[in-house]
Amino acid sequence: MTFDLEYNSERTLMIIPEYGRHIQKLVDHCIALETKEERDKMAKAIVDVMGNLQPHLRDVPDFKHKLWDQLYIMSEFKLDVESPYPQPSKEELQEKPEPLAYPKSASRYRYYGNNIQTMIDIALSWDEGDKKEALVFTIANHMKKCYLNWNKDTVDDAVIFKHLYDLSDGKIDLRDSEEALSESKNLLRKRSSQGQNNSKNYKKSQHNNQHKNRKR
């Protein structure tokens, strides 16, 4: 008795390997069916089986739409059936997404966080005046606090002003300002005080929970 061995290198390509070779063969068979009625019936059955094989996709928006798109992809867009969704084009699905722009703070001064750039942009949108000046110095003090949290226990205001100048693309310039930021020790004291308060609140919560448990 002899057996004909079929090697993977000799088999047809699986376009979406996650579904396995049997699903790909069903799709190929569906394409070859003569009548549209037969193809429609089989295509719906294949989509149902695909859904059972990928249960995690049920939480994805447009779950069924995604399955039908994958069916067309596996048929190399040769499948002529009635779909509940518009048939996608090969060019549409192969189109590369637009690259995401990295926040400026992520590329330069990560320790300030991404929200600092939003704050700076808001400040730049305000008209000149006392309110804008107050906001700018609030941002600078926040940056100083972030810098101290990340780096060390002291920092020169000139460093913060230089970073603010860079992040605002040169539109906010405090480098010649005579007004000083909050002292490092005051910012550090706030940080220490917040940490102690959080610790006290946690211990108090633990104590109350233990007291309740004893009553039970």
N, C-alpha and C. Protein backbone atom coordinates (compact mmCIF):
# COMPACT_ATOMS: atom_id res chain seq x y z
N MET A 1 0.85 -1.19 0.00
CA MET A 1 0.00 0.00 0.00
C MET A 1 0.89 1.24 0.00
N THR A 2 0.56 2.19 -0.86
CA THR A 2 1.36 3.42 -0.94
C THR A 2 0.49 4.62 -0.58
N PHE A 3 1.11 5.65 -0.02
CA PHE A 3 0.41 6.88 0.35
C PHE A 3 1.04 8.05 -0.40
N ASP A 4 0.17 8.93 -0.89
CA ASP A 4 0.66 10.14 -1.55
C ASP A 4 0.76 11.23 -0.48
N LEU A 5 1.98 11.63 -0.19
CA LEU A 5 2.20 12.67 0.82
C LEU A 5 2.09 14.04 0.18
N GLU A 6 1.40 14.93 0.89
CA GLU A 6 1.22 16.30 0.39
C GLU A 6 2.00 17.24 1.32
N TYR A 7 3.04 17.85 0.79
CA TYR A 7 3.86 18.76 1.58
C TYR A 7 3.26 20.17 1.56
N ASN A 8 3.49 20.90 2.66
CA ASN A 8 2.97 22.28 2.74
C ASN A 8 3.48 23.15 1.60
N SER A 9 4.73 22.90 1.18
CA SER A 9 5.30 23.70 0.10
C SER A 9 4.58 23.48 -1.22
N GLU A 10 3.84 22.34 -1.32
CA GLU A 10 3.14 22.03 -2.56
C GLU A 10 1.67 22.42 -2.51
N ARG A 11 1.21 22.84 -1.33
CA ARG A 11 -0.20 23.21 -1.18
C ARG A 11 -0.43 24.65 -1.60
N THR A 12 -1.70 24.97 -1.85
CA THR A 12 -2.05 26.34 -2.21
C THR A 12 -1.87 27.25 -0.98
N LEU A 13 -1.61 28.50 -1.24
CA LEU A 13 -1.34 29.46 -0.18
C LEU A 13 -2.59 29.74 0.64
N MET A 14 -2.45 29.76 1.97
CA MET A 14 -3.54 30.17 2.85
C MET A 14 -3.44 31.67 3.03
N ILE A 15 -4.43 32.40 2.57
CA ILE A 15 -4.36 33.86 2.57
C ILE A 15 -4.48 34.41 4.00
N ILE A 16 -5.39 33.83 4.82
CA ILE A 16 -5.47 34.18 6.24
C ILE A 16 -5.28 32.89 7.02
N PRO A 17 -4.04 32.58 7.42
CA PRO A 17 -3.73 31.28 8.04
C PRO A 17 -4.50 31.01 9.33
N GLU A 18 -4.96 32.06 10.02
CA GLU A 18 -5.65 31.86 11.29
C GLU A 18 -6.90 30.98 11.16
N TYR A 19 -7.50 30.97 9.97
CA TYR A 19 -8.71 30.18 9.78
C TYR A 19 -8.43 28.74 9.35
N GLY A 20 -7.20 28.44 9.01
CA GLY A 20 -6.86 27.08 8.65
C GLY A 20 -7.14 26.76 7.19
N ARG A 21 -6.59 25.62 6.77
CA ARG A 21 -6.69 25.23 5.36
C ARG A 21 -8.10 24.80 4.97
N HIS A 22 -8.85 24.24 5.92
CA HIS A 22 -10.20 23.76 5.56
C HIS A 22 -11.12 24.92 5.18
N ILE A 23 -11.02 26.04 5.92
CA ILE A 23 -11.84 27.20 5.58
C ILE A 23 -11.44 27.75 4.21
N GLN A 24 -10.14 27.78 3.95
CA GLN A 24 -9.68 28.26 2.65
C GLN A 24 -10.21 27.38 1.52
N LYS A 25 -10.26 26.07 1.75
CA LYS A 25 -10.80 25.16 0.74
C LYS A 25 -12.29 25.39 0.53
N LEU A 26 -13.01 25.69 1.63
CA LEU A 26 -14.44 25.99 1.51
C LEU A 26 -14.65 27.26 0.68
N VAL A 27 -13.82 28.26 0.92
CA VAL A 27 -13.92 29.50 0.16
C VAL A 27 -13.65 29.24 -1.32
N ASP A 28 -12.61 28.47 -1.61
CA ASP A 28 -12.28 28.14 -3.01
C ASP A 28 -13.45 27.38 -3.67
N HIS A 29 -14.06 26.47 -2.89
CA HIS A 29 -15.20 25.71 -3.43
C HIS A 29 -16.38 26.64 -3.69
N CYS A 30 -16.59 27.61 -2.79
CA CYS A 30 -17.70 28.55 -2.94
C CYS A 30 -17.55 29.37 -4.22
N ILE A 31 -16.33 29.77 -4.52
CA ILE A 31 -16.07 30.54 -5.74
C ILE A 31 -16.45 29.73 -6.98
N ALA A 32 -16.21 28.42 -6.91
CA ALA A 32 -16.42 27.55 -8.08
C ALA A 32 -17.87 27.14 -8.28
N LEU A 33 -18.75 27.40 -7.32
CA LEU A 33 -20.17 27.01 -7.48
C LEU A 33 -20.79 27.76 -8.65
N GLU A 34 -21.66 27.08 -9.37
CA GLU A 34 -22.17 27.63 -10.62
C GLU A 34 -23.23 28.71 -10.42
N THR A 35 -24.15 28.48 -9.50
CA THR A 35 -25.25 29.44 -9.35
C THR A 35 -25.00 30.41 -8.20
N LYS A 36 -25.53 31.62 -8.35
CA LYS A 36 -25.36 32.65 -7.32
C LYS A 36 -26.10 32.25 -6.05
N GLU A 37 -27.21 31.57 -6.21
CA GLU A 37 -27.98 31.13 -5.04
C GLU A 37 -27.15 30.18 -4.17
N GLU A 38 -26.45 29.26 -4.81
CA GLU A 38 -25.60 28.32 -4.08
C GLU A 38 -24.44 29.06 -3.40
N ARG A 39 -23.86 30.01 -4.12
CA ARG A 39 -22.73 30.75 -3.55
C ARG A 39 -23.17 31.60 -2.35
N ASP A 40 -24.34 32.22 -2.47
CA ASP A 40 -24.86 33.05 -1.35
C ASP A 40 -25.07 32.20 -0.10
N LYS A 41 -25.68 31.05 -0.29
CA LYS A 41 -25.98 30.17 0.84
C LYS A 41 -24.70 29.68 1.51
N MET A 42 -23.72 29.29 0.70
CA MET A 42 -22.48 28.76 1.25
C MET A 42 -21.64 29.88 1.89
N ALA A 43 -21.65 31.06 1.30
CA ALA A 43 -20.88 32.19 1.85
C ALA A 43 -21.37 32.53 3.25
N LYS A 44 -22.69 32.54 3.45
CA LYS A 44 -23.24 32.83 4.78
C LYS A 44 -22.83 31.76 5.78
N ALA A 45 -22.82 30.51 5.34
CA ALA A 45 -22.43 29.41 6.22
C ALA A 45 -20.95 29.53 6.60
N ILE A 46 -20.13 29.91 5.64
CA ILE A 46 -18.69 30.07 5.91
C ILE A 46 -18.46 31.19 6.92
N VAL A 47 -19.18 32.29 6.76
CA VAL A 47 -19.04 33.42 7.70
C VAL A 47 -19.43 32.99 9.12
N ASP A 48 -20.47 32.19 9.24
CA ASP A 48 -20.89 31.69 10.56
C ASP A 48 -19.79 30.85 11.20
N VAL A 49 -19.18 29.97 10.39
CA VAL A 49 -18.10 29.13 10.91
C VAL A 49 -16.89 29.99 11.30
N MET A 50 -16.57 30.98 10.49
CA MET A 50 -15.46 31.88 10.79
C MET A 50 -15.70 32.60 12.12
N GLY A 51 -16.95 33.00 12.36
CA GLY A 51 -17.29 33.67 13.61
C GLY A 51 -17.08 32.76 14.81
N ASN A 52 -17.40 31.48 14.65
CA ASN A 52 -17.20 30.52 15.75
C ASN A 52 -15.71 30.26 16.00
N LEU A 53 -14.91 30.37 14.95
CA LEU A 53 -13.47 30.15 15.11
C LEU A 53 -12.74 31.36 15.71
N GLN A 54 -13.37 32.52 15.64
CA GLN A 54 -12.76 33.74 16.17
C GLN A 54 -13.71 34.42 17.16
N PRO A 55 -14.03 33.76 18.28
CA PRO A 55 -15.01 34.32 19.22
C PRO A 55 -14.56 35.65 19.84
N HIS A 56 -13.25 35.88 19.92
CA HIS A 56 -12.75 37.14 20.52
C HIS A 56 -13.12 38.35 19.67
N LEU A 57 -13.47 38.12 18.40
CA LEU A 57 -13.82 39.24 17.54
C LEU A 57 -15.23 39.76 17.81
N ARG A 58 -15.99 39.02 18.62
CA ARG A 58 -17.37 39.43 18.89
C ARG A 58 -17.44 40.77 19.61
N ASP A 59 -16.37 41.12 20.31
CA ASP A 59 -16.34 42.41 21.02
C ASP A 59 -15.87 43.55 20.12
N VAL A 60 -15.48 43.21 18.90
CA VAL A 60 -15.00 44.23 17.96
C VAL A 60 -16.21 44.86 17.26
N PRO A 61 -16.24 46.20 17.17
CA PRO A 61 -17.35 46.84 16.45
C PRO A 61 -17.43 46.32 15.01
N ASP A 62 -18.65 46.19 14.50
CA ASP A 62 -18.87 45.68 13.14
C ASP A 62 -18.26 44.30 12.96
N PHE A 63 -18.51 43.43 13.94
CA PHE A 63 -17.96 42.07 13.94
C PHE A 63 -18.25 41.34 12.62
N LYS A 64 -19.53 41.33 12.22
CA LYS A 64 -19.92 40.62 10.99
C LYS A 64 -19.29 41.26 9.75
N HIS A 65 -19.22 42.58 9.78
CA HIS A 65 -18.63 43.28 8.63
C HIS A 65 -17.18 42.86 8.44
N LYS A 66 -16.45 42.73 9.53
CA LYS A 66 -15.05 42.31 9.48
C LYS A 66 -14.93 40.90 8.88
N LEU A 67 -15.85 40.00 9.29
CA LEU A 67 -15.81 38.63 8.78
C LEU A 67 -16.07 38.58 7.28
N TRP A 68 -17.03 39.37 6.82
CA TRP A 68 -17.31 39.39 5.38
C TRP A 68 -16.12 39.96 4.60
N ASP A 69 -15.47 40.97 5.15
CA ASP A 69 -14.27 41.52 4.49
C ASP A 69 -13.19 40.45 4.39
N GLN A 70 -13.04 39.67 5.47
CA GLN A 70 -12.02 38.61 5.45
C GLN A 70 -12.38 37.52 4.44
N LEU A 71 -13.66 37.25 4.30
CA LEU A 71 -14.10 36.27 3.30
C LEU A 71 -13.71 36.71 1.90
N TYR A 72 -13.94 37.99 1.59
CA TYR A 72 -13.55 38.51 0.28
C TYR A 72 -12.03 38.45 0.09
N ILE A 73 -11.30 38.74 1.16
CA ILE A 73 -9.83 38.69 1.07
C ILE A 73 -9.36 37.27 0.76
N MET A 74 -9.97 36.27 1.44
CA MET A 74 -9.58 34.88 1.21
C MET A 74 -9.96 34.40 -0.19
N SER A 75 -10.97 35.03 -0.78
CA SER A 75 -11.35 34.66 -2.15
C SER A 75 -10.57 35.45 -3.18
N GLU A 76 -9.62 36.27 -2.70
CA GLU A 76 -8.84 37.16 -3.58
C GLU A 76 -9.76 38.05 -4.41
N PHE A 77 -10.89 38.43 -3.78
CA PHE A 77 -11.89 39.33 -4.34
C PHE A 77 -12.55 38.77 -5.61
N LYS A 78 -12.57 37.43 -5.70
CA LYS A 78 -13.19 36.77 -6.85
C LYS A 78 -14.61 36.31 -6.53
N LEU A 79 -15.01 36.39 -5.28
CA LEU A 79 -16.31 35.84 -4.86
C LEU A 79 -17.44 36.76 -5.27
N ASP A 80 -18.40 36.19 -6.01
CA ASP A 80 -19.57 36.95 -6.47
C ASP A 80 -20.79 36.49 -5.67
N VAL A 81 -21.07 37.19 -4.56
CA VAL A 81 -22.20 36.83 -3.70
C VAL A 81 -22.89 38.10 -3.22
N GLU A 82 -24.10 37.91 -2.66
CA GLU A 82 -24.83 39.02 -2.05
C GLU A 82 -24.37 39.18 -0.61
N SER A 83 -23.74 40.29 -0.31
CA SER A 83 -23.25 40.54 1.04
C SER A 83 -24.10 41.61 1.71
N PRO A 84 -24.31 41.51 3.01
CA PRO A 84 -25.05 42.56 3.71
C PRO A 84 -24.27 43.87 3.81
N TYR A 85 -23.01 43.85 3.36
CA TYR A 85 -22.16 45.03 3.43
C TYR A 85 -21.57 45.31 2.05
N PRO A 86 -21.18 46.54 1.78
CA PRO A 86 -20.56 46.84 0.48
C PRO A 86 -19.29 46.02 0.30
N GLN A 87 -19.12 45.49 -0.90
CA GLN A 87 -17.92 44.69 -1.16
C GLN A 87 -16.70 45.59 -1.19
N PRO A 88 -15.67 45.26 -0.39
CA PRO A 88 -14.47 46.10 -0.37
C PRO A 88 -13.63 45.87 -1.62
N SER A 89 -12.84 46.85 -1.95
CA SER A 89 -11.91 46.69 -3.06
C SER A 89 -10.55 46.29 -2.51
N LYS A 90 -9.77 45.65 -3.35
CA LYS A 90 -8.43 45.22 -2.94
C LYS A 90 -7.57 46.41 -2.56
N GLU A 91 -7.70 47.50 -3.32
CA GLU A 91 -6.90 48.70 -3.05
C GLU A 91 -7.28 49.32 -1.71
N GLU A 92 -8.57 49.28 -1.39
CA GLU A 92 -9.05 49.89 -0.14
C GLU A 92 -8.49 49.18 1.08
N LEU A 93 -8.48 47.84 1.07
CA LEU A 93 -8.01 47.08 2.21
C LEU A 93 -6.50 47.06 2.32
N GLN A 94 -5.81 47.28 1.22
CA GLN A 94 -4.35 47.27 1.26
C GLN A 94 -3.76 48.66 1.48
N GLU A 95 -4.64 49.67 1.57
CA GLU A 95 -4.17 51.03 1.77
C GLU A 95 -3.55 51.19 3.16
N LYS A 96 -2.40 51.80 3.24
CA LYS A 96 -1.70 51.97 4.51
C LYS A 96 -2.33 53.13 5.29
N PRO A 97 -2.47 52.97 6.61
CA PRO A 97 -3.04 54.05 7.42
C PRO A 97 -2.09 55.23 7.51
N GLU A 98 -2.66 56.39 7.81
CA GLU A 98 -1.84 57.59 7.99
C GLU A 98 -0.96 57.42 9.23
N PRO A 99 0.31 57.79 9.14
CA PRO A 99 1.19 57.67 10.31
C PRO A 99 0.73 58.60 11.44
N LEU A 100 0.84 58.13 12.68
CA LEU A 100 0.45 58.93 13.83
C LEU A 100 1.58 59.89 14.19
N ALA A 101 1.19 61.11 14.48
CA ALA A 101 2.18 62.11 14.88
C ALA A 101 2.50 61.92 16.36
N TYR A 102 3.77 61.84 16.68
CA TYR A 102 4.18 61.70 18.07
C TYR A 102 4.09 63.05 18.77
N PRO A 103 3.58 63.06 20.01
CA PRO A 103 3.56 64.33 20.76
C PRO A 103 4.97 64.88 20.91
N LYS A 104 5.07 66.19 20.91
CA LYS A 104 6.39 66.81 21.01
C LYS A 104 7.10 66.41 22.29
N SER A 105 6.34 66.32 23.39
CA SER A 105 6.97 66.00 24.67
C SER A 105 7.54 64.60 24.68
N ALA A 106 6.93 63.71 23.89
CA ALA A 106 7.41 62.32 23.87
C ALA A 106 8.77 62.22 23.20
N SER A 107 9.03 63.13 22.26
CA SER A 107 10.29 63.05 21.53
C SER A 107 11.41 63.81 22.22
N ARG A 108 11.06 64.72 23.14
CA ARG A 108 12.10 65.53 23.76
C ARG A 108 12.15 65.37 25.28
N TYR A 109 11.15 65.88 25.95
CA TYR A 109 11.17 65.91 27.42
C TYR A 109 10.02 65.05 27.97
N ARG A 110 10.27 63.77 28.04
CA ARG A 110 9.21 62.83 28.41
C ARG A 110 8.70 63.03 29.83
N TYR A 111 9.57 63.51 30.70
CA TYR A 111 9.19 63.61 32.12
C TYR A 111 8.10 64.65 32.36
N TYR A 112 7.80 65.51 31.39
CA TYR A 112 6.72 66.47 31.56
C TYR A 112 5.36 65.86 31.23
N GLY A 113 5.36 64.74 30.54
CA GLY A 113 4.09 64.12 30.15
C GLY A 113 3.52 64.76 28.89
N ASN A 114 2.56 64.09 28.28
CA ASN A 114 1.98 64.57 27.02
C ASN A 114 0.99 65.71 27.23
N ASN A 115 0.38 65.80 28.42
CA ASN A 115 -0.62 66.84 28.65
C ASN A 115 -0.01 68.24 28.67
N ILE A 116 1.27 68.32 28.96
CA ILE A 116 1.90 69.64 29.04
C ILE A 116 1.84 70.35 27.69
N GLN A 117 1.92 69.58 26.61
CA GLN A 117 1.86 70.19 25.28
C GLN A 117 0.48 70.78 25.02
N THR A 118 -0.56 70.09 25.50
CA THR A 118 -1.93 70.61 25.37
C THR A 118 -2.08 71.92 26.13
N MET A 119 -1.52 71.96 27.34
CA MET A 119 -1.58 73.17 28.16
C MET A 119 -0.86 74.33 27.47
N ILE A 120 0.30 74.05 26.88
CA ILE A 120 1.05 75.08 26.18
C ILE A 120 0.27 75.59 24.97
N ASP A 121 -0.35 74.68 24.23
CA ASP A 121 -1.14 75.08 23.05
C ASP A 121 -2.31 75.97 23.45
N ILE A 122 -2.93 75.66 24.58
CA ILE A 122 -4.04 76.50 25.07
C ILE A 122 -3.53 77.89 25.42
N ALA A 123 -2.40 77.94 26.11
CA ALA A 123 -1.82 79.23 26.48
C ALA A 123 -1.51 80.06 25.23
N LEU A 124 -1.02 79.42 24.20
CA LEU A 124 -0.68 80.14 22.96
C LEU A 124 -1.92 80.69 22.26
N SER A 125 -3.07 80.06 22.50
CA SER A 125 -4.31 80.50 21.85
C SER A 125 -4.95 81.69 22.56
N TRP A 126 -4.49 82.01 23.76
CA TRP A 126 -5.07 83.12 24.52
C TRP A 126 -4.46 84.45 24.07
N ASP A 127 -5.26 85.51 24.23
CA ASP A 127 -4.76 86.84 23.95
C ASP A 127 -3.77 87.27 25.03
N GLU A 128 -2.86 88.16 24.64
CA GLU A 128 -1.87 88.65 25.59
C GLU A 128 -2.57 89.38 26.74
N GLY A 129 -2.03 89.20 27.94
CA GLY A 129 -2.62 89.86 29.11
C GLY A 129 -2.24 89.15 30.38
N ASP A 130 -2.81 89.63 31.50
CA ASP A 130 -2.47 89.07 32.81
C ASP A 130 -2.87 87.61 32.94
N LYS A 131 -4.03 87.25 32.37
CA LYS A 131 -4.51 85.87 32.49
C LYS A 131 -3.56 84.91 31.77
N LYS A 132 -3.13 85.30 30.58
CA LYS A 132 -2.21 84.44 29.83
C LYS A 132 -0.88 84.33 30.56
N GLU A 133 -0.40 85.44 31.11
CA GLU A 133 0.87 85.42 31.84
C GLU A 133 0.78 84.51 33.06
N ALA A 134 -0.38 84.58 33.76
CA ALA A 134 -0.57 83.72 34.94
C ALA A 134 -0.60 82.25 34.54
N LEU A 135 -1.26 81.95 33.42
CA LEU A 135 -1.31 80.57 32.94
C LEU A 135 0.07 80.07 32.55
N VAL A 136 0.84 80.90 31.88
CA VAL A 136 2.19 80.51 31.46
C VAL A 136 3.05 80.17 32.67
N PHE A 137 2.99 80.99 33.72
CA PHE A 137 3.81 80.70 34.90
C PHE A 137 3.27 79.49 35.68
N THR A 138 1.96 79.26 35.61
CA THR A 138 1.40 78.04 36.21
C THR A 138 1.95 76.80 35.49
N ILE A 139 2.00 76.88 34.16
CA ILE A 139 2.56 75.78 33.37
C ILE A 139 4.03 75.57 33.71
N ALA A 140 4.78 76.68 33.81
CA ALA A 140 6.21 76.58 34.11
C ALA A 140 6.43 75.95 35.49
N ASN A 141 5.62 76.34 36.48
CA ASN A 141 5.74 75.75 37.81
C ASN A 141 5.40 74.26 37.80
N HIS A 142 4.39 73.90 37.00
CA HIS A 142 4.03 72.48 36.87
C HIS A 142 5.18 71.71 36.23
N MET A 143 5.81 72.29 35.24
CA MET A 143 6.96 71.65 34.60
C MET A 143 8.11 71.47 35.59
N LYS A 144 8.30 72.47 36.43
CA LYS A 144 9.36 72.38 37.43
C LYS A 144 9.09 71.25 38.41
N LYS A 145 7.83 71.13 38.80
CA LYS A 145 7.46 70.04 39.72
C LYS A 145 7.67 68.68 39.06
N CYS A 146 7.28 68.55 37.80
CA CYS A 146 7.48 67.29 37.06
C CYS A 146 8.96 66.96 36.95
N TYR A 147 9.76 68.00 36.67
CA TYR A 147 11.21 67.81 36.54
C TYR A 147 11.79 67.29 37.85
N LEU A 148 11.37 67.88 38.96
CA LEU A 148 11.88 67.46 40.27
C LEU A 148 11.44 66.04 40.61
N ASN A 149 10.22 65.68 40.24
CA ASN A 149 9.73 64.32 40.50
C ASN A 149 10.54 63.30 39.71
N TRP A 150 10.97 63.68 38.53
CA TRP A 150 11.65 62.74 37.64
C TRP A 150 13.16 62.70 37.86
N ASN A 151 13.75 63.86 38.09
CA ASN A 151 15.20 63.95 38.05
C ASN A 151 15.88 64.05 39.41
N LYS A 152 15.75 65.20 40.07
CA LYS A 152 16.51 65.41 41.29
C LYS A 152 15.80 66.41 42.19
N ASP A 153 16.46 66.82 43.25
CA ASP A 153 15.82 67.67 44.25
C ASP A 153 16.02 69.16 44.01
N THR A 154 16.65 69.53 42.94
CA THR A 154 16.82 70.94 42.63
C THR A 154 16.98 71.13 41.13
N VAL A 155 16.55 72.29 40.65
CA VAL A 155 16.69 72.61 39.22
C VAL A 155 16.66 74.12 39.08
N ASP A 156 17.47 74.63 38.21
CA ASP A 156 17.51 76.07 37.96
C ASP A 156 16.34 76.47 37.08
N ASP A 157 15.73 77.62 37.40
CA ASP A 157 14.58 78.08 36.61
C ASP A 157 14.94 78.25 35.14
N ALA A 158 16.19 78.60 34.87
CA ALA A 158 16.61 78.80 33.48
C ALA A 158 16.42 77.54 32.65
N VAL A 159 16.59 76.38 33.28
CA VAL A 159 16.40 75.10 32.57
C VAL A 159 14.93 74.94 32.18
N ILE A 160 14.03 75.25 33.11
CA ILE A 160 12.59 75.13 32.84
C ILE A 160 12.17 76.12 31.75
N PHE A 161 12.67 77.35 31.84
CA PHE A 161 12.32 78.36 30.84
C PHE A 161 12.82 77.94 29.45
N LYS A 162 13.99 77.31 29.40
CA LYS A 162 14.54 76.84 28.12
C LYS A 162 13.68 75.73 27.54
N HIS A 163 13.24 74.81 28.38
CA HIS A 163 12.40 73.71 27.91
C HIS A 163 11.03 74.23 27.44
N LEU A 164 10.49 75.21 28.18
CA LEU A 164 9.21 75.80 27.78
C LEU A 164 9.35 76.52 26.44
N TYR A 165 10.46 77.16 26.25
CA TYR A 165 10.74 77.83 24.97
C TYR A 165 10.78 76.81 23.83
N ASP A 166 11.43 75.69 24.06
CA ASP A 166 11.53 74.64 23.03
C ASP A 166 10.16 74.04 22.72
N LEU A 167 9.40 73.71 23.77
CA LEU A 167 8.11 73.04 23.57
C LEU A 167 7.07 73.95 22.94
N SER A 168 7.25 75.26 23.07
CA SER A 168 6.32 76.22 22.46
C SER A 168 6.83 76.70 21.11
N ASP A 169 7.87 76.04 20.60
CA ASP A 169 8.48 76.44 19.32
C ASP A 169 8.91 77.91 19.34
N GLY A 170 9.44 78.34 20.49
CA GLY A 170 9.96 79.69 20.60
C GLY A 170 8.92 80.77 20.79
N LYS A 171 7.65 80.38 21.01
CA LYS A 171 6.57 81.38 21.13
C LYS A 171 6.37 81.85 22.57
N ILE A 172 6.85 81.07 23.54
CA ILE A 172 6.79 81.49 24.94
C ILE A 172 8.23 81.60 25.43
N ASP A 173 8.64 82.83 25.70
CA ASP A 173 10.03 83.07 26.06
C ASP A 173 10.10 83.77 27.42
N LEU A 174 10.44 83.00 28.46
CA LEU A 174 10.60 83.56 29.81
C LEU A 174 12.07 83.61 30.21
N ARG A 175 12.96 83.42 29.27
CA ARG A 175 14.37 83.28 29.61
C ARG A 175 14.96 84.56 30.20
N ASP A 176 14.37 85.71 29.87
CA ASP A 176 14.86 86.97 30.43
C ASP A 176 13.93 87.50 31.53
N SER A 177 13.00 86.64 31.97
CA SER A 177 12.05 87.09 32.98
C SER A 177 12.72 87.25 34.34
N GLU A 178 12.30 88.31 35.05
CA GLU A 178 12.83 88.55 36.40
C GLU A 178 11.98 87.86 37.46
N GLU A 179 10.82 87.35 37.06
CA GLU A 179 9.94 86.66 38.00
C GLU A 179 10.42 85.22 38.17
N ALA A 180 10.55 84.79 39.40
CA ALA A 180 11.06 83.44 39.69
C ALA A 180 9.90 82.47 39.87
N LEU A 181 10.17 81.22 39.62
CA LEU A 181 9.19 80.16 39.85
C LEU A 181 9.19 79.79 41.33
N SER A 182 8.25 78.93 41.72
CA SER A 182 8.20 78.47 43.10
C SER A 182 9.50 77.77 43.46
N GLU A 183 9.91 77.93 44.72
CA GLU A 183 11.15 77.30 45.14
C GLU A 183 11.01 75.78 45.14
N SER A 184 12.12 75.13 44.84
CA SER A 184 12.11 73.67 44.76
C SER A 184 11.64 73.04 46.06
N LYS A 185 12.10 73.59 47.19
CA LYS A 185 11.75 72.99 48.48
C LYS A 185 10.25 73.05 48.74
N ASN A 186 9.59 74.13 48.24
CA ASN A 186 8.14 74.22 48.42
C ASN A 186 7.41 73.20 47.56
N LEU A 187 7.89 73.02 46.34
CA LEU A 187 7.29 72.01 45.46
C LEU A 187 7.51 70.61 46.00
N LEU A 188 8.71 70.37 46.55
CA LEU A 188 9.02 69.07 47.13
C LEU A 188 8.21 68.83 48.39
N ARG A 189 7.96 69.92 49.15
CA ARG A 189 7.16 69.78 50.36
C ARG A 189 5.74 69.38 50.01
N LYS A 190 5.21 69.98 48.94
CA LYS A 190 3.87 69.62 48.48
C LYS A 190 3.82 68.15 48.10
N ARG A 191 4.84 67.71 47.38
CA ARG A 191 4.89 66.31 46.96
C ARG A 191 4.93 65.39 48.16
N SER A 192 5.78 65.76 49.16
CA SER A 192 5.90 64.95 50.37
C SER A 192 4.62 64.94 51.16
N SER A 193 3.96 66.11 51.25
CA SER A 193 2.71 66.23 51.98
C SER A 193 1.62 65.39 51.34
N GLN A 194 1.57 65.41 50.01
CA GLN A 194 0.57 64.60 49.30
C GLN A 194 0.80 63.12 49.53
N GLY A 195 2.07 62.73 49.54
CA GLY A 195 2.39 61.32 49.78
C GLY A 195 2.00 60.89 51.18
N GLN A 196 2.23 61.76 52.19
CA GLN A 196 1.87 61.44 53.56
C GLN A 196 0.36 61.36 53.73
N ASN A 197 -0.35 62.29 53.07
CA ASN A 197 -1.81 62.26 53.16
C ASN A 197 -2.39 61.00 52.55
N ASN A 198 -1.82 60.60 51.42
CA ASN A 198 -2.28 59.36 50.78
C ASN A 198 -2.02 58.16 51.68
N SER A 199 -0.85 58.16 52.36
CA SER A 199 -0.51 57.07 53.25
C SER A 199 -1.45 57.03 54.44
N LYS A 200 -1.76 58.22 55.01
CA LYS A 200 -2.68 58.29 56.15
C LYS A 200 -4.08 57.82 55.76
N ASN A 201 -4.53 58.26 54.59
CA ASN A 201 -5.86 57.86 54.13
C ASN A 201 -5.94 56.35 53.92
N TYR A 202 -4.85 55.78 53.39
CA TYR A 202 -4.81 54.34 53.16
C TYR A 202 -4.88 53.60 54.50
N LYS A 203 -4.07 54.04 55.48
CA LYS A 203 -4.06 53.38 56.80
C LYS A 203 -5.41 53.52 57.48
N LYS A 204 -6.03 54.70 57.34
CA LYS A 204 -7.34 54.92 57.95
C LYS A 204 -8.37 53.99 57.33
N SER A 205 -8.30 53.84 56.01
CA SER A 205 -9.23 52.94 55.30
C SER A 205 -9.04 51.51 55.76
N GLN A 206 -7.76 51.08 55.91
CA GLN A 206 -7.47 49.73 56.36
C GLN A 206 -8.01 49.51 57.78
N HIS A 207 -7.84 50.52 58.65
CA HIS A 207 -8.30 50.42 60.03
C HIS A 207 -9.83 50.29 60.08
N ASN A 208 -10.52 51.09 59.28
CA ASN A 208 -11.99 51.04 59.26
C ASN A 208 -12.48 49.69 58.76
N ASN A 209 -11.81 49.14 57.76
CA ASN A 209 -12.21 47.84 57.23
C ASN A 209 -12.01 46.74 58.27
N GLN A 210 -10.90 46.81 59.02
CA GLN A 210 -10.66 45.81 60.06
C GLN A 210 -11.71 45.92 61.16
N HIS A 211 -12.07 47.17 61.51
CA HIS A 211 -13.08 47.39 62.55
C HIS A 211 -14.44 46.80 62.13
N LYS A 212 -14.78 47.01 60.88
CA LYS A 212 -16.05 46.46 60.36
C LYS A 212 -16.03 44.94 60.40
N ASN A 213 -14.91 44.36 60.03
CA ASN A 213 -14.80 42.92 60.01
C ASN A 213 -14.96 42.32 61.41
N ARG A 214 -14.42 43.03 62.43
CA ARG A 214 -14.56 42.53 63.80
C ARG A 214 -16.01 42.53 64.24
N LYS A 215 -16.76 43.58 63.84
CA LYS A 215 -18.17 43.67 64.21
C LYS A 215 -18.98 42.52 63.61
N ARG A 216 -18.57 42.10 62.43
CA ARG A 216 -19.30 40.99 61.78
C ARG A 216 -19.03 39.69 62.52
